[in-house]
């Protein structure tokens, strides 16, 4: 059996809901992998989540509501943070990265 890729492992781990707590947000393995790739700290993701602009996304495969939050960090970095609203009031960060062109444009239009 071939070695499992990091993305497949993260998805499988996400499905098992292996989580670690970060303030009131629940971080899963995929978001932690994204954070390592883009050098985004949990504090930066929390800051964007607290102060950024929300954009609706399609519901997840599980039917949970999702949003993309775009905002500036204190050091001046524009980030996008994907949030899924899980049962029992938990919020799952499923994506973190520097803001992509489409979200930069949406963010600018919303000013």
N, C-alpha and C. Protein backbone atom coordinates (compact mmCIF):
# COMPACT_ATOMS: atom_id res chain seq x y z
N UNK A 1 0.85 -1.18 0.00
CA UNK A 1 0.00 0.00 0.00
C UNK A 1 0.90 1.24 0.00
N UNK A 2 0.67 2.21 -0.92
CA UNK A 2 1.52 3.39 -0.97
C UNK A 2 1.35 4.28 0.26
N UNK A 3 2.38 5.06 0.52
CA UNK A 3 2.33 5.98 1.65
C UNK A 3 1.20 6.98 1.44
N UNK A 4 0.53 7.34 2.51
CA UNK A 4 -0.59 8.28 2.43
C UNK A 4 -0.07 9.70 2.36
N UNK A 5 -0.62 10.51 1.46
CA UNK A 5 -0.18 11.91 1.34
C UNK A 5 -0.62 12.68 2.57
N UNK A 6 0.03 13.81 2.81
CA UNK A 6 -0.30 14.66 3.95
C UNK A 6 -1.74 15.13 3.87
N UNK A 7 -2.21 15.49 2.65
CA UNK A 7 -3.60 15.95 2.51
C UNK A 7 -4.60 14.84 2.82
N UNK A 8 -4.34 13.62 2.32
CA UNK A 8 -5.25 12.52 2.61
C UNK A 8 -5.25 12.18 4.09
N UNK A 9 -4.10 12.20 4.70
CA UNK A 9 -4.01 11.94 6.13
C UNK A 9 -4.78 13.00 6.91
N UNK A 10 -4.63 14.27 6.51
CA UNK A 10 -5.34 15.35 7.19
C UNK A 10 -6.84 15.19 7.05
N UNK A 11 -7.31 14.86 5.84
CA UNK A 11 -8.76 14.67 5.63
C UNK A 11 -9.28 13.51 6.48
N UNK A 12 -8.53 12.40 6.49
CA UNK A 12 -8.96 11.24 7.27
C UNK A 12 -8.99 11.59 8.75
N UNK A 13 -7.97 12.32 9.19
CA UNK A 13 -7.91 12.72 10.59
C UNK A 13 -9.06 13.67 10.91
N UNK A 14 -9.37 14.57 9.96
CA UNK A 14 -10.48 15.49 10.17
C UNK A 14 -11.77 14.72 10.34
N UNK A 15 -11.97 13.69 9.51
CA UNK A 15 -13.19 12.91 9.61
C UNK A 15 -13.31 12.22 10.96
N UNK A 16 -12.19 11.90 11.56
CA UNK A 16 -12.22 11.30 12.89
C UNK A 16 -12.37 12.37 13.96
N UNK A 17 -12.37 13.64 13.54
CA UNK A 17 -12.56 14.77 14.44
C UNK A 17 -11.50 14.84 15.53
N UNK A 18 -10.25 14.61 15.14
CA UNK A 18 -9.15 14.77 16.08
C UNK A 18 -8.86 16.26 16.17
N UNK A 19 -9.19 16.86 17.29
CA UNK A 19 -9.10 18.30 17.41
C UNK A 19 -8.26 18.70 18.61
N UNK A 20 -7.73 19.91 18.53
CA UNK A 20 -7.11 20.51 19.70
C UNK A 20 -7.72 21.89 19.87
N UNK A 21 -7.88 22.31 21.09
CA UNK A 21 -8.58 23.55 21.37
C UNK A 21 -7.66 24.76 21.22
N UNK A 22 -8.19 25.81 20.67
CA UNK A 22 -7.48 27.09 20.58
C UNK A 22 -8.51 28.17 20.85
N UNK A 23 -8.45 28.80 21.97
CA UNK A 23 -9.45 29.76 22.45
C UNK A 23 -10.82 29.12 22.29
N UNK A 24 -11.77 29.80 21.63
CA UNK A 24 -13.10 29.22 21.49
C UNK A 24 -13.26 28.50 20.17
N UNK A 25 -12.22 28.47 19.37
CA UNK A 25 -12.27 27.85 18.05
C UNK A 25 -11.65 26.47 18.12
N UNK A 26 -12.18 25.54 17.38
CA UNK A 26 -11.61 24.19 17.32
C UNK A 26 -10.76 24.10 16.06
N UNK A 27 -9.46 23.82 16.24
CA UNK A 27 -8.53 23.66 15.13
C UNK A 27 -8.39 22.19 14.80
N UNK A 28 -8.47 21.86 13.51
CA UNK A 28 -8.28 20.50 13.05
C UNK A 28 -6.97 20.40 12.29
N UNK A 29 -6.57 19.20 11.98
CA UNK A 29 -5.28 18.95 11.37
C UNK A 29 -5.11 19.69 10.05
N UNK A 30 -6.15 19.75 9.20
CA UNK A 30 -6.00 20.41 7.90
C UNK A 30 -5.63 21.87 8.07
N UNK A 31 -6.29 22.57 8.96
CA UNK A 31 -5.96 23.98 9.18
C UNK A 31 -4.55 24.12 9.73
N UNK A 32 -4.12 23.19 10.56
CA UNK A 32 -2.76 23.26 11.09
C UNK A 32 -1.74 23.03 9.97
N UNK A 33 -2.05 22.14 9.02
CA UNK A 33 -1.14 21.94 7.88
C UNK A 33 -1.09 23.19 7.02
N UNK A 34 -2.26 23.80 6.73
CA UNK A 34 -2.31 25.06 5.98
C UNK A 34 -1.47 26.12 6.67
N UNK A 35 -1.62 26.19 7.99
CA UNK A 35 -0.89 27.20 8.76
C UNK A 35 0.61 27.02 8.65
N UNK A 36 1.07 25.77 8.67
CA UNK A 36 2.50 25.53 8.53
C UNK A 36 2.98 25.94 7.14
N UNK A 37 2.17 25.64 6.12
CA UNK A 37 2.57 25.97 4.75
C UNK A 37 2.67 27.48 4.58
N UNK A 38 1.69 28.22 5.07
CA UNK A 38 1.64 29.66 4.87
C UNK A 38 2.23 30.47 6.02
N UNK A 39 2.68 29.80 7.08
CA UNK A 39 3.29 30.51 8.21
C UNK A 39 2.29 31.35 8.99
N UNK A 40 1.05 30.90 9.08
CA UNK A 40 0.01 31.62 9.79
C UNK A 40 -0.10 31.05 11.20
N UNK A 41 -0.04 31.93 12.19
CA UNK A 41 -0.15 31.47 13.57
C UNK A 41 -1.62 31.35 13.97
N UNK A 42 -1.87 30.61 15.03
CA UNK A 42 -3.23 30.49 15.55
C UNK A 42 -3.75 31.85 16.00
N UNK A 43 -2.85 32.69 16.54
CA UNK A 43 -3.24 34.03 16.98
C UNK A 43 -3.69 34.89 15.80
N UNK A 44 -2.98 34.78 14.66
CA UNK A 44 -3.38 35.52 13.46
C UNK A 44 -4.75 35.06 12.96
N UNK A 45 -4.98 33.76 12.94
CA UNK A 45 -6.28 33.23 12.50
C UNK A 45 -7.39 33.72 13.43
N UNK A 46 -7.14 33.70 14.73
CA UNK A 46 -8.11 34.21 15.71
C UNK A 46 -8.40 35.68 15.48
N UNK A 47 -7.36 36.47 15.21
CA UNK A 47 -7.51 37.92 14.99
C UNK A 47 -8.37 38.19 13.75
N UNK A 48 -8.09 37.48 12.66
CA UNK A 48 -8.87 37.66 11.43
C UNK A 48 -10.32 37.23 11.68
N UNK A 49 -10.51 36.11 12.37
CA UNK A 49 -11.85 35.62 12.67
C UNK A 49 -12.64 36.65 13.49
N UNK A 50 -11.97 37.30 14.43
CA UNK A 50 -12.64 38.26 15.31
C UNK A 50 -12.94 39.59 14.63
N UNK A 51 -12.12 40.01 13.66
CA UNK A 51 -12.25 41.37 13.12
C UNK A 51 -12.50 41.44 11.62
N UNK A 52 -12.44 40.31 10.92
CA UNK A 52 -12.54 40.33 9.46
C UNK A 52 -13.97 40.42 8.94
N UNK A 53 -14.10 40.39 7.62
CA UNK A 53 -15.40 40.41 6.94
C UNK A 53 -15.77 38.99 6.54
N UNK A 54 -17.04 38.64 6.73
CA UNK A 54 -17.53 37.29 6.45
C UNK A 54 -18.11 37.20 5.05
N UNK A 55 -17.82 36.10 4.38
CA UNK A 55 -18.39 35.80 3.07
C UNK A 55 -18.96 34.38 3.12
N UNK A 56 -20.24 34.23 2.76
CA UNK A 56 -20.89 32.92 2.81
C UNK A 56 -20.29 31.96 1.80
N UNK A 57 -20.22 30.70 2.20
CA UNK A 57 -19.79 29.61 1.33
C UNK A 57 -20.91 28.59 1.24
N UNK A 58 -20.78 27.66 0.33
CA UNK A 58 -21.72 26.55 0.25
C UNK A 58 -21.59 25.72 1.54
N UNK A 59 -22.67 25.09 1.99
CA UNK A 59 -22.55 24.22 3.17
C UNK A 59 -21.55 23.09 2.91
N UNK A 60 -21.01 22.56 3.98
CA UNK A 60 -20.06 21.44 3.87
C UNK A 60 -20.79 20.19 3.40
N UNK A 61 -20.04 19.14 3.10
CA UNK A 61 -20.63 17.85 2.72
C UNK A 61 -21.54 17.31 3.82
N UNK A 62 -21.27 17.72 5.06
CA UNK A 62 -22.08 17.30 6.21
C UNK A 62 -23.32 18.16 6.38
N UNK A 63 -23.43 19.23 5.57
CA UNK A 63 -24.57 20.13 5.68
C UNK A 63 -24.37 21.28 6.64
N UNK A 64 -23.17 21.41 7.19
CA UNK A 64 -22.89 22.50 8.14
C UNK A 64 -22.65 23.81 7.39
N UNK A 65 -23.12 24.92 7.97
CA UNK A 65 -22.86 26.24 7.40
C UNK A 65 -21.37 26.54 7.45
N UNK A 66 -20.90 27.28 6.41
CA UNK A 66 -19.49 27.66 6.34
C UNK A 66 -19.39 29.10 5.86
N UNK A 67 -18.33 29.76 6.31
CA UNK A 67 -18.01 31.11 5.85
C UNK A 67 -16.51 31.21 5.60
N UNK A 68 -16.13 32.20 4.79
CA UNK A 68 -14.72 32.57 4.64
C UNK A 68 -14.61 33.96 5.25
N UNK A 69 -13.68 34.12 6.18
CA UNK A 69 -13.45 35.41 6.81
C UNK A 69 -12.15 35.97 6.25
N UNK A 70 -12.19 37.22 5.80
CA UNK A 70 -11.02 37.87 5.23
C UNK A 70 -10.74 39.12 6.06
N UNK A 71 -9.48 39.28 6.46
CA UNK A 71 -9.15 40.45 7.26
C UNK A 71 -7.66 40.62 7.45
N UNK A 72 -7.34 41.78 8.01
CA UNK A 72 -5.95 42.16 8.25
C UNK A 72 -5.50 41.70 9.63
N UNK A 73 -4.25 41.30 9.74
CA UNK A 73 -3.63 41.03 11.03
C UNK A 73 -2.95 42.30 11.51
N UNK A 74 -2.58 42.35 12.76
CA UNK A 74 -1.88 43.53 13.30
C UNK A 74 -0.61 43.87 12.52
N UNK A 75 0.19 42.86 12.11
CA UNK A 75 1.39 43.18 11.33
C UNK A 75 1.10 43.61 9.89
N UNK A 76 -0.19 43.59 9.46
CA UNK A 76 -0.52 44.06 8.13
C UNK A 76 -0.59 42.99 7.05
N UNK A 77 -0.95 41.80 7.44
CA UNK A 77 -1.08 40.68 6.50
C UNK A 77 -2.56 40.41 6.24
N UNK A 78 -2.97 40.36 4.97
CA UNK A 78 -4.36 40.08 4.61
C UNK A 78 -4.52 38.56 4.46
N UNK A 79 -5.37 37.98 5.30
CA UNK A 79 -5.54 36.53 5.34
C UNK A 79 -6.99 36.15 5.05
N UNK A 80 -7.17 34.88 4.64
CA UNK A 80 -8.51 34.29 4.55
C UNK A 80 -8.54 33.07 5.48
N UNK A 81 -9.63 32.96 6.22
CA UNK A 81 -9.79 31.89 7.21
C UNK A 81 -11.16 31.27 6.98
N UNK A 82 -11.19 29.98 6.65
CA UNK A 82 -12.44 29.27 6.42
C UNK A 82 -12.95 28.67 7.72
N UNK A 83 -14.23 28.94 8.03
CA UNK A 83 -14.85 28.47 9.28
C UNK A 83 -16.05 27.60 8.93
N UNK A 84 -16.16 26.46 9.60
CA UNK A 84 -17.35 25.62 9.49
C UNK A 84 -18.00 25.56 10.86
N UNK A 85 -19.30 25.82 10.89
CA UNK A 85 -20.05 25.78 12.15
C UNK A 85 -20.51 24.36 12.42
N UNK A 86 -19.90 23.76 13.43
CA UNK A 86 -20.14 22.36 13.76
C UNK A 86 -21.28 22.25 14.77
N UNK A 87 -21.84 21.04 14.91
CA UNK A 87 -22.86 20.83 15.95
C UNK A 87 -22.30 21.16 17.34
N UNK A 88 -23.17 21.43 18.25
CA UNK A 88 -22.83 21.71 19.65
C UNK A 88 -22.06 23.01 19.82
N UNK A 89 -22.18 23.93 18.84
CA UNK A 89 -21.60 25.26 19.00
C UNK A 89 -20.12 25.38 18.70
N UNK A 90 -19.47 24.32 18.24
CA UNK A 90 -18.05 24.40 17.90
C UNK A 90 -17.86 25.03 16.52
N UNK A 91 -16.74 25.70 16.37
CA UNK A 91 -16.38 26.30 15.09
C UNK A 91 -15.08 25.66 14.63
N UNK A 92 -15.08 25.18 13.40
CA UNK A 92 -13.94 24.44 12.86
C UNK A 92 -13.25 25.29 11.80
N UNK A 93 -11.98 25.57 12.01
CA UNK A 93 -11.20 26.25 10.98
C UNK A 93 -10.70 25.18 10.02
N UNK A 94 -11.20 25.24 8.77
CA UNK A 94 -10.81 24.22 7.80
C UNK A 94 -9.81 24.74 6.78
N UNK A 95 -9.52 26.06 6.82
CA UNK A 95 -8.62 26.62 5.81
C UNK A 95 -8.01 27.91 6.35
N UNK A 96 -6.72 28.10 6.11
CA UNK A 96 -6.04 29.37 6.39
C UNK A 96 -5.02 29.60 5.30
N UNK A 97 -4.97 30.84 4.79
CA UNK A 97 -3.93 31.19 3.82
C UNK A 97 -3.90 32.70 3.65
N UNK A 98 -2.87 33.18 2.96
CA UNK A 98 -2.88 34.57 2.53
C UNK A 98 -4.10 34.73 1.63
N UNK A 99 -4.72 35.89 1.66
CA UNK A 99 -5.93 36.10 0.87
C UNK A 99 -5.64 35.93 -0.62
N UNK A 100 -6.45 35.12 -1.28
CA UNK A 100 -6.31 34.90 -2.71
C UNK A 100 -6.94 36.08 -3.46
N UNK A 101 -6.63 36.19 -4.74
CA UNK A 101 -7.11 37.31 -5.54
C UNK A 101 -8.64 37.49 -5.47
N UNK A 102 -9.43 36.41 -5.62
CA UNK A 102 -10.88 36.60 -5.55
C UNK A 102 -11.34 37.19 -4.21
N UNK A 103 -10.74 36.73 -3.10
CA UNK A 103 -11.14 37.25 -1.80
C UNK A 103 -10.59 38.64 -1.55
N UNK A 104 -9.42 38.97 -2.10
CA UNK A 104 -8.92 40.34 -2.02
C UNK A 104 -9.89 41.30 -2.70
N UNK A 105 -10.39 40.90 -3.87
CA UNK A 105 -11.32 41.74 -4.61
C UNK A 105 -12.64 41.90 -3.86
N UNK A 106 -13.17 40.79 -3.32
CA UNK A 106 -14.41 40.89 -2.53
C UNK A 106 -14.21 41.77 -1.31
N UNK A 107 -13.08 41.61 -0.64
CA UNK A 107 -12.78 42.40 0.55
C UNK A 107 -12.74 43.89 0.20
N UNK A 108 -12.10 44.24 -0.90
CA UNK A 108 -12.01 45.64 -1.32
C UNK A 108 -13.39 46.21 -1.66
N UNK A 109 -14.26 45.41 -2.29
CA UNK A 109 -15.60 45.87 -2.64
C UNK A 109 -16.45 46.16 -1.40
N UNK A 110 -16.19 45.42 -0.31
CA UNK A 110 -16.98 45.54 0.90
C UNK A 110 -16.57 46.70 1.80
N UNK A 111 -15.50 47.39 1.45
CA UNK A 111 -15.02 48.49 2.30
C UNK A 111 -16.03 49.57 2.47
